[in-house]
Amino acid sequence: MQKSTLFLWIAAAIILILVLALVVGYRIKGQVLDGDGMVNRYAQITQDEAKRMMQEEDCVIVDVRRTDEYAAGHIPGAICIPNETIGEEPPAQLPDKRQTILVYCRSGNRSKQAAQKLFDMGYTGIFEFGGILDWTGETVTGTQP
């Protein structure tokens, strides 16, 4: 093989690796990296992805609706931490900032706000998946997770 042909194959392989790194490597444990490699927010996922994570991973499901909304129907195993109670201090129910946390609300608005607040506090495994209005999985009622 000629040196120029070998060079082209190597260059093509490097470009392919870089493209794959951009596509796959930008999403790390619930964080999205910007072009400078800086983490700038939590990850949004589909409800199907959330269901898969609930089945396959050790994660905490957080319902950020009011307690009365939570009691009327929530995802089994979810804990209630109302969005309006999330301030500058990490919630006591979430002691591990590196754990995987799945966040939802009624329609997706409060969950985005809560996910960003948790991310800003230093939580690194935040996944927001919208609202229970679109949830096709099981729900339970009551105040206990």
Foldseek 3Di string as FASTA:
>chain_A
DDPVVVVVVVVVVVVVVVVCCQVPVQADQQFGADPVRDTDFGAEDAVVVVVVCVVPHPEAEEEQDDLVVQQAKDDPRHAYNHLVNLDQDDDPVCPDLAGAYEYEYAFQDSRRSSRRSSVVNPRRNYYYHGHPPPDPDDMDHHRDD
